[in-house]
Amino acid sequence: MTTTDGGDRGLAAFAATIDHTVLGPETTLADVHDLLDEASEYGTNVCVPPCYVAAAAEYAPDVTLATVVGFPHGQHATAAKVAEAERAHADGADELDVVINVGRLQAGDHEAVRTEVAAVVDATPLPVKVIVETALLSDEQKHAAGKLVQEAGAAFLKTSTGFADGGATLPDVELLAEYLPVKASGGVGSYDEAVAMLDAGAERIGASSGVEIVRGHPGFEG
């Protein structure tokens, strides 16, 4: 994959679009510290598991810190998602990535989806990115999700958790960008792939390979 205008983005501005991520089930505090060290060095944000938010905020207070809510399947009770959001805010998170209830969306229970997202949005002053798991949705359902999340007051739509088959695609980014800023997440592993997503309308990239992506920038010297 190649790009024509990716090099026009300055290194610092480009790095700030990357949410360098570690969310696997075996993630340790040492892994989070390594992630934060890399983010500090390369200028990215991070996304870490909820159990490490307080420690992460203390360890690297200058790094923009996101965490997840209702992760990875989105089928927590609404009250549980709200409590997770409140806890993350109290622990020092800067942003929240909440998983939509895909089953309810697929079943056409749109009011329940809208109400739940709004409850999480209203629970804290933090920006909320809503993960809609695009690989599991039809285009009609993606449009419905975009509209519902927009109406609920969220700040971003996010494509994927990385735990379902499939990740971010250019058509999905373009579709979701009709409604809100997009975080493209899942399967983005190189600078060229990241720039293609940004060119398609994404404003953030979620990736476990954030360092490799930043190192691919033409302005990087290392």
N, C-alpha and C. Protein backbone atom coordinates (compact mmCIF):
# COMPACT_ATOMS: atom_id res chain seq x y z
N MET A 1 0.85 -1.19 0.00
CA MET A 1 0.00 0.00 0.00
C MET A 1 0.88 1.24 0.00
N THR A 2 0.58 2.18 -0.84
CA THR A 2 1.36 3.40 -0.91
C THR A 2 0.46 4.59 -0.70
N THR A 3 1.07 5.73 -0.39
CA THR A 3 0.31 6.96 -0.19
C THR A 3 0.98 8.07 -0.96
N THR A 4 0.23 9.15 -1.18
CA THR A 4 0.79 10.29 -1.89
C THR A 4 1.01 11.48 -0.99
N ASP A 5 0.25 11.54 0.13
CA ASP A 5 0.34 12.75 0.94
C ASP A 5 0.67 12.49 2.40
N GLY A 6 0.99 11.24 2.76
CA GLY A 6 1.26 10.94 4.15
C GLY A 6 2.43 11.71 4.70
N GLY A 7 3.44 11.93 3.84
CA GLY A 7 4.62 12.64 4.30
C GLY A 7 4.36 14.09 4.64
N ASP A 8 3.20 14.61 4.21
CA ASP A 8 2.88 16.00 4.53
C ASP A 8 2.53 16.19 6.00
N ARG A 9 2.22 15.12 6.70
CA ARG A 9 1.92 15.21 8.12
C ARG A 9 3.23 15.23 8.89
N GLY A 10 3.43 16.24 9.72
CA GLY A 10 4.64 16.30 10.53
C GLY A 10 4.72 15.12 11.48
N LEU A 11 5.93 14.78 11.87
CA LEU A 11 6.14 13.61 12.71
C LEU A 11 5.37 13.70 14.02
N ALA A 12 5.46 14.83 14.72
CA ALA A 12 4.80 14.95 16.02
C ALA A 12 3.29 14.87 15.87
N ALA A 13 2.75 15.54 14.86
CA ALA A 13 1.30 15.50 14.64
C ALA A 13 0.85 14.10 14.26
N PHE A 14 1.64 13.43 13.45
CA PHE A 14 1.29 12.05 13.07
C PHE A 14 1.33 11.14 14.29
N ALA A 15 2.38 11.21 15.08
CA ALA A 15 2.50 10.34 16.26
C ALA A 15 1.32 10.53 17.21
N ALA A 16 0.83 11.76 17.29
CA ALA A 16 -0.28 12.05 18.20
C ALA A 16 -1.60 11.46 17.74
N THR A 17 -1.64 10.94 16.51
CA THR A 17 -2.85 10.24 16.06
C THR A 17 -2.85 8.77 16.46
N ILE A 18 -1.74 8.27 16.98
CA ILE A 18 -1.59 6.85 17.26
C ILE A 18 -1.90 6.54 18.72
N ASP A 19 -2.86 5.64 18.96
CA ASP A 19 -3.10 5.09 20.29
C ASP A 19 -2.36 3.76 20.38
N HIS A 20 -1.15 3.81 20.92
CA HIS A 20 -0.30 2.63 21.08
C HIS A 20 -0.94 1.76 22.16
N THR A 21 -1.17 0.48 21.84
CA THR A 21 -2.15 -0.30 22.60
C THR A 21 -1.59 -1.62 23.09
N VAL A 22 -1.95 -1.97 24.33
CA VAL A 22 -1.72 -3.33 24.83
C VAL A 22 -2.95 -3.73 25.63
N LEU A 23 -3.72 -4.69 25.10
CA LEU A 23 -5.00 -5.07 25.72
C LEU A 23 -5.21 -6.58 25.79
N GLY A 24 -4.18 -7.36 25.56
CA GLY A 24 -4.34 -8.81 25.60
C GLY A 24 -4.59 -9.33 27.00
N PRO A 25 -5.13 -10.54 27.10
CA PRO A 25 -5.47 -11.10 28.41
C PRO A 25 -4.27 -11.38 29.30
N GLU A 26 -3.09 -11.47 28.73
CA GLU A 26 -1.89 -11.74 29.52
C GLU A 26 -1.08 -10.48 29.81
N THR A 27 -1.65 -9.31 29.56
CA THR A 27 -0.94 -8.06 29.79
C THR A 27 -0.56 -7.88 31.25
N THR A 28 0.68 -7.56 31.51
CA THR A 28 1.17 -7.32 32.86
C THR A 28 1.45 -5.84 33.06
N LEU A 29 1.67 -5.45 34.31
CA LEU A 29 2.04 -4.07 34.59
C LEU A 29 3.36 -3.72 33.93
N ALA A 30 4.28 -4.67 33.86
CA ALA A 30 5.55 -4.43 33.18
C ALA A 30 5.33 -4.12 31.70
N ASP A 31 4.37 -4.81 31.08
CA ASP A 31 4.04 -4.53 29.69
C ASP A 31 3.52 -3.10 29.54
N VAL A 32 2.69 -2.68 30.48
CA VAL A 32 2.13 -1.33 30.45
C VAL A 32 3.24 -0.30 30.62
N HIS A 33 4.17 -0.55 31.54
CA HIS A 33 5.29 0.37 31.71
C HIS A 33 6.13 0.47 30.43
N ASP A 34 6.36 -0.66 29.76
CA ASP A 34 7.10 -0.64 28.51
C ASP A 34 6.35 0.19 27.45
N LEU A 35 5.04 0.00 27.39
CA LEU A 35 4.22 0.75 26.45
C LEU A 35 4.32 2.25 26.71
N LEU A 36 4.25 2.63 27.98
CA LEU A 36 4.32 4.04 28.35
C LEU A 36 5.70 4.63 28.06
N ASP A 37 6.75 3.85 28.27
CA ASP A 37 8.09 4.31 27.92
C ASP A 37 8.18 4.58 26.42
N GLU A 38 7.62 3.68 25.62
CA GLU A 38 7.64 3.86 24.17
C GLU A 38 6.81 5.08 23.76
N ALA A 39 5.65 5.23 24.38
CA ALA A 39 4.80 6.38 24.05
C ALA A 39 5.50 7.69 24.39
N SER A 40 6.18 7.72 25.51
CA SER A 40 6.91 8.93 25.89
C SER A 40 8.03 9.23 24.90
N GLU A 41 8.68 8.19 24.42
CA GLU A 41 9.79 8.37 23.49
C GLU A 41 9.30 8.78 22.10
N TYR A 42 8.20 8.19 21.65
CA TYR A 42 7.77 8.37 20.27
C TYR A 42 6.61 9.35 20.11
N GLY A 43 6.03 9.81 21.20
CA GLY A 43 5.00 10.84 21.12
C GLY A 43 3.60 10.36 20.85
N THR A 44 3.34 9.07 21.12
CA THR A 44 2.00 8.53 20.90
C THR A 44 1.16 8.64 22.16
N ASN A 45 -0.12 8.31 22.03
CA ASN A 45 -1.00 8.07 23.16
C ASN A 45 -0.92 6.59 23.50
N VAL A 46 -1.64 6.17 24.55
CA VAL A 46 -1.70 4.75 24.87
C VAL A 46 -3.14 4.35 25.18
N CYS A 47 -3.40 3.05 25.03
CA CYS A 47 -4.66 2.46 25.49
C CYS A 47 -4.32 1.20 26.27
N VAL A 48 -4.74 1.15 27.53
CA VAL A 48 -4.33 0.07 28.44
C VAL A 48 -5.55 -0.52 29.13
N PRO A 49 -5.41 -1.72 29.71
CA PRO A 49 -6.53 -2.32 30.43
C PRO A 49 -6.94 -1.50 31.65
N PRO A 50 -8.21 -1.56 32.04
CA PRO A 50 -8.70 -0.75 33.16
C PRO A 50 -7.95 -0.98 34.48
N CYS A 51 -7.51 -2.21 34.72
CA CYS A 51 -6.88 -2.51 36.00
C CYS A 51 -5.55 -1.80 36.19
N TYR A 52 -4.97 -1.27 35.09
CA TYR A 52 -3.67 -0.61 35.18
C TYR A 52 -3.75 0.91 35.01
N VAL A 53 -4.95 1.46 34.95
CA VAL A 53 -5.08 2.89 34.65
C VAL A 53 -4.42 3.74 35.74
N ALA A 54 -4.72 3.46 36.99
CA ALA A 54 -4.17 4.30 38.07
C ALA A 54 -2.64 4.25 38.07
N ALA A 55 -2.09 3.05 37.91
CA ALA A 55 -0.64 2.92 37.89
C ALA A 55 -0.05 3.61 36.67
N ALA A 56 -0.73 3.51 35.53
CA ALA A 56 -0.24 4.14 34.31
C ALA A 56 -0.26 5.66 34.43
N ALA A 57 -1.33 6.19 35.00
CA ALA A 57 -1.44 7.64 35.16
C ALA A 57 -0.34 8.17 36.08
N GLU A 58 0.02 7.40 37.08
CA GLU A 58 1.08 7.82 37.99
C GLU A 58 2.45 7.69 37.34
N TYR A 59 2.63 6.64 36.56
CA TYR A 59 3.94 6.35 35.96
C TYR A 59 4.28 7.34 34.86
N ALA A 60 3.31 7.72 34.04
CA ALA A 60 3.58 8.62 32.90
C ALA A 60 2.45 9.63 32.76
N PRO A 61 2.39 10.61 33.67
CA PRO A 61 1.26 11.53 33.69
C PRO A 61 1.14 12.41 32.45
N ASP A 62 2.19 12.53 31.66
CA ASP A 62 2.14 13.40 30.48
C ASP A 62 1.67 12.67 29.22
N VAL A 63 1.48 11.37 29.31
CA VAL A 63 1.02 10.60 28.15
C VAL A 63 -0.51 10.53 28.16
N THR A 64 -1.12 10.83 27.03
CA THR A 64 -2.59 10.71 26.93
C THR A 64 -2.98 9.26 27.09
N LEU A 65 -3.86 9.01 28.06
CA LEU A 65 -4.15 7.65 28.53
C LEU A 65 -5.60 7.29 28.27
N ALA A 66 -5.81 6.33 27.40
CA ALA A 66 -7.15 5.78 27.16
C ALA A 66 -7.25 4.41 27.79
N THR A 67 -8.48 4.03 28.13
CA THR A 67 -8.75 2.67 28.57
C THR A 67 -10.08 2.23 27.98
N VAL A 68 -10.41 0.96 28.20
CA VAL A 68 -11.59 0.37 27.58
C VAL A 68 -12.70 0.15 28.60
N VAL A 69 -13.92 0.15 28.10
CA VAL A 69 -15.12 -0.07 28.91
C VAL A 69 -15.98 -1.12 28.21
N GLY A 70 -16.46 -2.10 28.97
CA GLY A 70 -17.28 -3.15 28.37
C GLY A 70 -16.52 -4.00 27.38
N PHE A 71 -15.25 -4.16 27.62
CA PHE A 71 -14.34 -4.80 26.66
C PHE A 71 -14.18 -6.29 26.98
N PRO A 72 -14.11 -7.18 25.99
CA PRO A 72 -14.12 -6.89 24.55
C PRO A 72 -15.46 -7.11 23.84
N HIS A 73 -16.48 -7.64 24.52
CA HIS A 73 -17.70 -8.06 23.81
C HIS A 73 -18.87 -7.09 23.94
N GLY A 74 -18.81 -6.15 24.87
CA GLY A 74 -19.83 -5.12 24.95
C GLY A 74 -21.13 -5.52 25.60
N GLN A 75 -21.20 -6.71 26.17
CA GLN A 75 -22.47 -7.18 26.71
C GLN A 75 -22.58 -7.06 28.23
N HIS A 76 -21.78 -6.20 28.80
CA HIS A 76 -21.93 -5.86 30.21
C HIS A 76 -23.27 -5.14 30.41
N ALA A 77 -23.80 -5.22 31.61
CA ALA A 77 -24.96 -4.40 31.95
C ALA A 77 -24.58 -2.93 31.84
N THR A 78 -25.54 -2.10 31.50
CA THR A 78 -25.27 -0.67 31.37
C THR A 78 -24.68 -0.10 32.65
N ALA A 79 -25.24 -0.50 33.80
CA ALA A 79 -24.73 0.02 35.07
C ALA A 79 -23.27 -0.36 35.27
N ALA A 80 -22.88 -1.54 34.80
CA ALA A 80 -21.48 -1.96 34.92
C ALA A 80 -20.58 -1.10 34.03
N LYS A 81 -21.05 -0.79 32.82
CA LYS A 81 -20.26 0.08 31.94
C LYS A 81 -20.12 1.47 32.54
N VAL A 82 -21.19 1.98 33.10
CA VAL A 82 -21.14 3.30 33.73
C VAL A 82 -20.15 3.28 34.89
N ALA A 83 -20.20 2.23 35.71
CA ALA A 83 -19.27 2.13 36.84
C ALA A 83 -17.83 2.04 36.37
N GLU A 84 -17.60 1.28 35.30
CA GLU A 84 -16.24 1.20 34.73
C GLU A 84 -15.75 2.57 34.29
N ALA A 85 -16.64 3.31 33.62
CA ALA A 85 -16.27 4.65 33.15
C ALA A 85 -15.92 5.56 34.31
N GLU A 86 -16.74 5.53 35.34
CA GLU A 86 -16.50 6.38 36.51
C GLU A 86 -15.19 6.00 37.20
N ARG A 87 -14.94 4.71 37.30
CA ARG A 87 -13.69 4.25 37.94
C ARG A 87 -12.48 4.68 37.12
N ALA A 88 -12.56 4.54 35.81
CA ALA A 88 -11.45 4.93 34.95
C ALA A 88 -11.17 6.42 35.07
N HIS A 89 -12.21 7.22 35.13
CA HIS A 89 -12.04 8.66 35.29
C HIS A 89 -11.35 8.96 36.62
N ALA A 90 -11.81 8.33 37.69
CA ALA A 90 -11.23 8.55 39.01
C ALA A 90 -9.77 8.10 39.05
N ASP A 91 -9.44 7.08 38.27
CA ASP A 91 -8.07 6.55 38.28
C ASP A 91 -7.11 7.35 37.41
N GLY A 92 -7.65 8.27 36.59
CA GLY A 92 -6.77 9.13 35.82
C GLY A 92 -6.79 8.95 34.32
N ALA A 93 -7.76 8.19 33.80
CA ALA A 93 -7.86 8.05 32.34
C ALA A 93 -8.21 9.39 31.71
N ASP A 94 -7.74 9.59 30.48
CA ASP A 94 -8.05 10.79 29.71
C ASP A 94 -9.15 10.55 28.68
N GLU A 95 -9.32 9.31 28.26
CA GLU A 95 -10.29 8.95 27.23
C GLU A 95 -10.83 7.55 27.50
N LEU A 96 -12.03 7.28 26.99
CA LEU A 96 -12.67 5.98 27.17
C LEU A 96 -13.04 5.38 25.82
N ASP A 97 -12.73 4.10 25.63
CA ASP A 97 -13.14 3.37 24.43
C ASP A 97 -14.15 2.31 24.87
N VAL A 98 -15.42 2.53 24.60
CA VAL A 98 -16.49 1.66 25.09
C VAL A 98 -17.03 0.80 23.96
N VAL A 99 -17.26 -0.47 24.24
CA VAL A 99 -17.77 -1.40 23.24
C VAL A 99 -19.30 -1.35 23.23
N ILE A 100 -19.86 -1.17 22.04
CA ILE A 100 -21.30 -1.17 21.86
C ILE A 100 -21.85 -2.58 22.11
N ASN A 101 -23.12 -2.68 22.46
CA ASN A 101 -23.77 -3.99 22.55
C ASN A 101 -24.19 -4.41 21.15
N VAL A 102 -23.33 -5.19 20.50
CA VAL A 102 -23.54 -5.57 19.10
C VAL A 102 -24.82 -6.38 18.94
N GLY A 103 -25.08 -7.28 19.88
CA GLY A 103 -26.28 -8.11 19.78
C GLY A 103 -27.55 -7.28 19.76
N ARG A 104 -27.60 -6.27 20.62
CA ARG A 104 -28.79 -5.42 20.64
C ARG A 104 -28.90 -4.60 19.35
N LEU A 105 -27.77 -4.14 18.84
CA LEU A 105 -27.81 -3.42 17.58
C LEU A 105 -28.32 -4.32 16.46
N GLN A 106 -27.79 -5.53 16.37
CA GLN A 106 -28.21 -6.45 15.32
C GLN A 106 -29.68 -6.83 15.45
N ALA A 107 -30.18 -6.87 16.68
CA ALA A 107 -31.58 -7.20 16.91
C ALA A 107 -32.52 -6.03 16.63
N GLY A 108 -31.96 -4.87 16.34
CA GLY A 108 -32.77 -3.70 16.05
C GLY A 108 -33.24 -2.95 17.27
N ASP A 109 -32.66 -3.23 18.43
CA ASP A 109 -33.04 -2.54 19.67
C ASP A 109 -32.25 -1.23 19.78
N HIS A 110 -32.54 -0.32 18.89
CA HIS A 110 -31.74 0.89 18.76
C HIS A 110 -31.85 1.81 19.96
N GLU A 111 -33.01 1.86 20.57
CA GLU A 111 -33.16 2.76 21.72
C GLU A 111 -32.29 2.30 22.88
N ALA A 112 -32.19 0.98 23.08
CA ALA A 112 -31.32 0.47 24.15
C ALA A 112 -29.87 0.81 23.87
N VAL A 113 -29.45 0.72 22.61
CA VAL A 113 -28.07 1.05 22.25
C VAL A 113 -27.80 2.53 22.49
N ARG A 114 -28.69 3.38 22.01
CA ARG A 114 -28.53 4.82 22.18
C ARG A 114 -28.50 5.20 23.66
N THR A 115 -29.42 4.65 24.43
CA THR A 115 -29.52 4.98 25.85
C THR A 115 -28.27 4.56 26.60
N GLU A 116 -27.75 3.38 26.27
CA GLU A 116 -26.55 2.90 26.97
C GLU A 116 -25.34 3.76 26.66
N VAL A 117 -25.13 4.07 25.38
CA VAL A 117 -23.98 4.92 25.03
C VAL A 117 -24.11 6.28 25.70
N ALA A 118 -25.31 6.85 25.69
CA ALA A 118 -25.51 8.15 26.32
C ALA A 118 -25.22 8.09 27.81
N ALA A 119 -25.56 6.98 28.46
CA ALA A 119 -25.30 6.84 29.89
C ALA A 119 -23.81 6.85 30.18
N VAL A 120 -23.03 6.19 29.33
CA VAL A 120 -21.58 6.19 29.51
C VAL A 120 -21.01 7.57 29.22
N VAL A 121 -21.49 8.20 28.16
CA VAL A 121 -21.02 9.55 27.82
C VAL A 121 -21.30 10.52 28.98
N ASP A 122 -22.48 10.41 29.57
CA ASP A 122 -22.88 11.34 30.63
C ASP A 122 -22.21 11.05 31.98
N ALA A 123 -21.60 9.87 32.11
CA ALA A 123 -21.05 9.46 33.40
C ALA A 123 -19.79 10.23 33.78
N THR A 124 -19.05 10.73 32.79
CA THR A 124 -17.80 11.44 33.07
C THR A 124 -17.65 12.56 32.04
N PRO A 125 -16.71 13.48 32.26
CA PRO A 125 -16.42 14.50 31.24
C PRO A 125 -15.45 14.03 30.17
N LEU A 126 -15.04 12.77 30.20
CA LEU A 126 -14.02 12.29 29.28
C LEU A 126 -14.58 12.04 27.88
N PRO A 127 -13.77 12.26 26.85
CA PRO A 127 -14.19 11.89 25.49
C PRO A 127 -14.42 10.38 25.40
N VAL A 128 -15.49 9.99 24.72
CA VAL A 128 -15.85 8.58 24.59
C VAL A 128 -15.76 8.17 23.13
N LYS A 129 -14.97 7.13 22.87
CA LYS A 129 -14.92 6.50 21.55
C LYS A 129 -15.75 5.22 21.64
N VAL A 130 -16.65 5.03 20.71
CA VAL A 130 -17.55 3.87 20.76
C VAL A 130 -17.14 2.85 19.71
N ILE A 131 -16.78 1.67 20.17
CA ILE A 131 -16.34 0.58 19.30
C ILE A 131 -17.57 -0.16 18.79
N VAL A 132 -17.76 -0.17 17.47
CA VAL A 132 -18.97 -0.77 16.91
C VAL A 132 -18.73 -2.15 16.29
N GLU A 133 -17.50 -2.60 16.25
CA GLU A 133 -17.14 -3.93 15.73
C GLU A 133 -17.66 -4.12 14.31
N THR A 134 -17.11 -3.32 13.40
CA THR A 134 -17.62 -3.26 12.03
C THR A 134 -17.61 -4.61 11.31
N ALA A 135 -16.67 -5.49 11.64
CA ALA A 135 -16.59 -6.77 10.95
C ALA A 135 -17.83 -7.63 11.19
N LEU A 136 -18.59 -7.33 12.22
CA LEU A 136 -19.79 -8.11 12.55
C LEU A 136 -21.07 -7.47 12.03
N LEU A 137 -20.96 -6.33 11.36
CA LEU A 137 -22.15 -5.56 10.98
C LEU A 137 -22.31 -5.46 9.47
N SER A 138 -23.56 -5.40 9.03
CA SER A 138 -23.85 -5.05 7.64
C SER A 138 -23.67 -3.54 7.47
N ASP A 139 -23.61 -3.08 6.24
CA ASP A 139 -23.50 -1.64 6.02
C ASP A 139 -24.70 -0.91 6.61
N GLU A 140 -25.87 -1.49 6.51
CA GLU A 140 -27.06 -0.86 7.10
C GLU A 140 -26.90 -0.72 8.61
N GLN A 141 -26.36 -1.75 9.25
CA GLN A 141 -26.15 -1.69 10.70
C GLN A 141 -25.04 -0.71 11.06
N LYS A 142 -24.04 -0.59 10.21
CA LYS A 142 -22.98 0.40 10.47
C LYS A 142 -23.54 1.82 10.41
N HIS A 143 -24.39 2.08 9.44
CA HIS A 143 -25.03 3.40 9.36
C HIS A 143 -25.90 3.64 10.60
N ALA A 144 -26.64 2.62 11.01
CA ALA A 144 -27.47 2.77 12.20
C ALA A 144 -26.61 3.06 13.42
N ALA A 145 -25.48 2.33 13.55
CA ALA A 145 -24.58 2.55 14.68
C ALA A 145 -24.02 3.96 14.66
N GLY A 146 -23.61 4.42 13.50
CA GLY A 146 -23.07 5.78 13.40
C GLY A 146 -24.07 6.82 13.85
N LYS A 147 -25.29 6.68 13.41
CA LYS A 147 -26.33 7.64 13.77
C LYS A 147 -26.63 7.59 15.27
N LEU A 148 -26.76 6.38 15.82
CA LEU A 148 -27.08 6.23 17.23
C LEU A 148 -25.97 6.79 18.13
N VAL A 149 -24.73 6.49 17.79
CA VAL A 149 -23.60 6.95 18.59
C VAL A 149 -23.48 8.47 18.50
N GLN A 150 -23.70 9.01 17.33
CA GLN A 150 -23.70 10.47 17.17
C GLN A 150 -24.78 11.10 18.04
N GLU A 151 -25.99 10.56 18.01
CA GLU A 151 -27.09 11.09 18.79
C GLU A 151 -26.83 10.99 20.29
N ALA A 152 -26.05 9.97 20.69
CA ALA A 152 -25.77 9.76 22.11
C ALA A 152 -24.69 10.70 22.65
N GLY A 153 -24.05 11.46 21.78
CA GLY A 153 -23.09 12.46 22.23
C GLY A 153 -21.66 11.99 22.35
N ALA A 154 -21.32 10.84 21.76
CA ALA A 154 -19.95 10.35 21.82
C ALA A 154 -19.04 11.21 20.96
N ALA A 155 -17.75 11.11 21.22
CA ALA A 155 -16.77 11.93 20.50
C ALA A 155 -16.25 11.25 19.24
N PHE A 156 -16.16 9.92 19.25
CA PHE A 156 -15.58 9.15 18.15
C PHE A 156 -16.37 7.88 17.92
N LEU A 157 -16.28 7.37 16.71
CA LEU A 157 -16.61 5.99 16.39
C LEU A 157 -15.31 5.23 16.19
N LYS A 158 -15.26 4.01 16.68
CA LYS A 158 -14.06 3.18 16.55
C LYS A 158 -14.46 1.88 15.88
N THR A 159 -13.63 1.41 14.97
CA THR A 159 -14.03 0.28 14.13
C THR A 159 -14.11 -1.05 14.88
N SER A 160 -13.09 -1.36 15.67
CA SER A 160 -12.92 -2.76 16.09
C SER A 160 -12.24 -2.89 17.45
N THR A 161 -12.47 -4.04 18.08
CA THR A 161 -11.76 -4.36 19.31
C THR A 161 -10.45 -5.08 19.03
N GLY A 162 -10.37 -5.76 17.89
CA GLY A 162 -9.26 -6.65 17.62
C GLY A 162 -9.52 -8.06 18.08
N PHE A 163 -10.67 -8.30 18.71
CA PHE A 163 -10.99 -9.62 19.23
C PHE A 163 -12.04 -10.33 18.38
N ALA A 164 -12.55 -9.69 17.34
CA ALA A 164 -13.45 -10.33 16.39
C ALA A 164 -12.70 -10.52 15.08
N ASP A 165 -13.19 -11.41 14.22
CA ASP A 165 -12.56 -11.59 12.92
C ASP A 165 -12.67 -10.31 12.11
N GLY A 166 -11.55 -9.85 11.61
CA GLY A 166 -11.54 -8.64 10.81
C GLY A 166 -11.27 -7.41 11.64
N GLY A 167 -10.74 -6.38 10.98
CA GLY A 167 -10.43 -5.12 11.65
C GLY A 167 -10.87 -3.96 10.81
N ALA A 168 -10.12 -2.87 10.89
CA ALA A 168 -10.47 -1.66 10.16
C ALA A 168 -10.29 -1.86 8.66
N THR A 169 -11.22 -1.32 7.88
CA THR A 169 -11.09 -1.28 6.43
C THR A 169 -11.33 0.15 5.96
N LEU A 170 -10.80 0.48 4.80
CA LEU A 170 -10.99 1.83 4.27
C LEU A 170 -12.47 2.15 4.03
N PRO A 171 -13.25 1.24 3.44
CA PRO A 171 -14.67 1.55 3.26
C PRO A 171 -15.40 1.80 4.58
N ASP A 172 -15.06 1.04 5.60
CA ASP A 172 -15.72 1.24 6.90
C ASP A 172 -15.35 2.58 7.51
N VAL A 173 -14.09 2.95 7.39
CA VAL A 173 -13.67 4.26 7.91
C VAL A 173 -14.42 5.37 7.18
N GLU A 174 -14.50 5.27 5.88
CA GLU A 174 -15.21 6.28 5.09
C GLU A 174 -16.68 6.36 5.50
N LEU A 175 -17.31 5.21 5.72
CA LEU A 175 -18.72 5.18 6.11
C LEU A 175 -18.91 5.83 7.48
N LEU A 176 -18.13 5.42 8.46
CA LEU A 176 -18.31 5.93 9.82
C LEU A 176 -17.98 7.42 9.91
N ALA A 177 -17.04 7.87 9.06
CA ALA A 177 -16.65 9.28 9.09
C ALA A 177 -17.77 10.21 8.65
N GLU A 178 -18.84 9.65 8.09
CA GLU A 178 -20.01 10.46 7.77
C GLU A 178 -20.70 10.97 9.04
N TYR A 179 -20.42 10.32 10.18
CA TYR A 179 -21.13 10.62 11.42
C TYR A 179 -20.28 11.30 12.48
N LEU A 180 -19.06 10.79 12.68
CA LEU A 180 -18.19 11.30 13.74
C LEU A 180 -16.73 11.06 13.34
N PRO A 181 -15.79 11.70 14.02
CA PRO A 181 -14.39 11.31 13.85
C PRO A 181 -14.22 9.82 14.13
N VAL A 182 -13.28 9.21 13.43
CA VAL A 182 -13.12 7.75 13.49
C VAL A 182 -11.76 7.38 14.05
N LYS A 183 -11.76 6.35 14.90
CA LYS A 183 -10.53 5.68 15.29
C LYS A 183 -10.50 4.34 14.56
N ALA A 184 -9.53 4.18 13.66
CA ALA A 184 -9.36 2.95 12.91
C ALA A 184 -8.49 2.00 13.73
N SER A 185 -9.06 0.86 14.07
CA SER A 185 -8.35 -0.06 14.95
C SER A 185 -8.56 -1.49 14.47
N GLY A 186 -7.49 -2.26 14.52
CA GLY A 186 -7.56 -3.66 14.10
C GLY A 186 -6.87 -3.86 12.77
N GLY A 187 -5.69 -4.45 12.81
CA GLY A 187 -4.99 -4.81 11.58
C GLY A 187 -4.16 -3.72 10.96
N VAL A 188 -4.02 -2.58 11.62
CA VAL A 188 -3.19 -1.49 11.09
C VAL A 188 -1.78 -1.67 11.67
N GLY A 189 -0.83 -2.05 10.81
CA GLY A 189 0.47 -2.42 11.34
C GLY A 189 1.65 -1.69 10.75
N SER A 190 1.40 -0.77 9.80
CA SER A 190 2.51 -0.07 9.17
C SER A 190 2.17 1.39 8.97
N TYR A 191 3.18 2.18 8.68
CA TYR A 191 2.98 3.61 8.43
C TYR A 191 2.05 3.82 7.25
N ASP A 192 2.30 3.12 6.13
CA ASP A 192 1.46 3.32 4.95
C ASP A 192 0.01 2.94 5.22
N GLU A 193 -0.21 1.86 5.96
CA GLU A 193 -1.58 1.47 6.30
C GLU A 193 -2.24 2.52 7.18
N ALA A 194 -1.50 3.06 8.12
CA ALA A 194 -2.06 4.10 9.00
C ALA A 194 -2.42 5.34 8.20
N VAL A 195 -1.53 5.77 7.32
CA VAL A 195 -1.81 6.96 6.52
C VAL A 195 -3.01 6.75 5.62
N ALA A 196 -3.15 5.55 5.06
CA ALA A 196 -4.31 5.27 4.22
C ALA A 196 -5.60 5.43 5.03
N MET A 197 -5.59 4.99 6.28
CA MET A 197 -6.76 5.15 7.14
C MET A 197 -7.02 6.63 7.43
N LEU A 198 -5.98 7.38 7.70
CA LEU A 198 -6.14 8.82 7.95
C LEU A 198 -6.66 9.52 6.70
N ASP A 199 -6.15 9.14 5.55
CA ASP A 199 -6.61 9.74 4.30
C ASP A 199 -8.07 9.39 4.02
N ALA A 200 -8.52 8.25 4.52
CA ALA A 200 -9.91 7.83 4.32
C ALA A 200 -10.88 8.52 5.28
N GLY A 201 -10.34 9.24 6.27
CA GLY A 201 -11.20 9.98 7.20
C GLY A 201 -10.98 9.70 8.66
N ALA A 202 -10.09 8.75 8.99
CA ALA A 202 -9.79 8.48 10.39
C ALA A 202 -9.02 9.66 10.99
N GLU A 203 -9.21 9.86 12.29
CA GLU A 203 -8.44 10.87 13.01
C GLU A 203 -7.55 10.25 14.08
N ARG A 204 -7.79 8.98 14.40
CA ARG A 204 -6.95 8.22 15.32
C ARG A 204 -6.72 6.84 14.73
N ILE A 205 -5.61 6.24 15.15
CA ILE A 205 -5.27 4.87 14.78
C ILE A 205 -5.01 4.10 16.08
N GLY A 206 -5.66 2.98 16.25
CA GLY A 206 -5.38 2.12 17.38
C GLY A 206 -4.55 0.94 16.91
N ALA A 207 -3.40 0.70 17.54
CA ALA A 207 -2.50 -0.34 17.05
C ALA A 207 -1.54 -0.78 18.15
N SER A 208 -1.27 -2.07 18.17
CA SER A 208 -0.26 -2.59 19.09
C SER A 208 1.14 -2.33 18.55
N SER A 209 1.23 -1.98 17.28
CA SER A 209 2.54 -1.74 16.64
C SER A 209 2.77 -0.25 16.44
N GLY A 210 2.42 0.54 17.44
CA GLY A 210 2.54 1.98 17.32
C GLY A 210 3.95 2.46 17.04
N VAL A 211 4.94 1.81 17.65
CA VAL A 211 6.34 2.22 17.44
C VAL A 211 6.72 2.00 15.98
N GLU A 212 6.41 0.83 15.44
CA GLU A 212 6.75 0.55 14.05
C GLU A 212 6.08 1.54 13.11
N ILE A 213 4.84 1.90 13.41
CA ILE A 213 4.12 2.85 12.57
C ILE A 213 4.81 4.21 12.59
N VAL A 214 5.15 4.70 13.76
CA VAL A 214 5.81 6.01 13.85
C VAL A 214 7.19 5.98 13.20
N ARG A 215 7.91 4.90 13.39
CA ARG A 215 9.24 4.79 12.80
C ARG A 215 9.20 4.79 11.27
N GLY A 216 8.04 4.49 10.70
CA GLY A 216 7.91 4.50 9.25
C GLY A 216 7.72 5.88 8.67
N HIS A 217 7.46 6.87 9.52
CA HIS A 217 7.25 8.23 9.03
C HIS A 217 8.51 8.75 8.35
N PRO A 218 8.38 9.43 7.20
CA PRO A 218 9.58 9.91 6.51
C PRO A 218 10.41 10.90 7.30
N GLY A 219 9.81 11.53 8.30
CA GLY A 219 10.56 12.48 9.12
C GLY A 219 11.25 11.85 10.30
N PHE A 220 11.07 10.54 10.49
CA PHE A 220 11.68 9.88 11.65
C PHE A 220 13.15 9.63 11.38
N GLU A 221 13.97 9.95 12.36
CA GLU A 221 15.39 9.67 12.28
C GLU A 221 15.78 8.91 13.54
N GLY A 222 16.20 7.70 13.38
CA GLY A 222 16.54 6.92 14.55
C GLY A 222 17.35 5.70 14.17
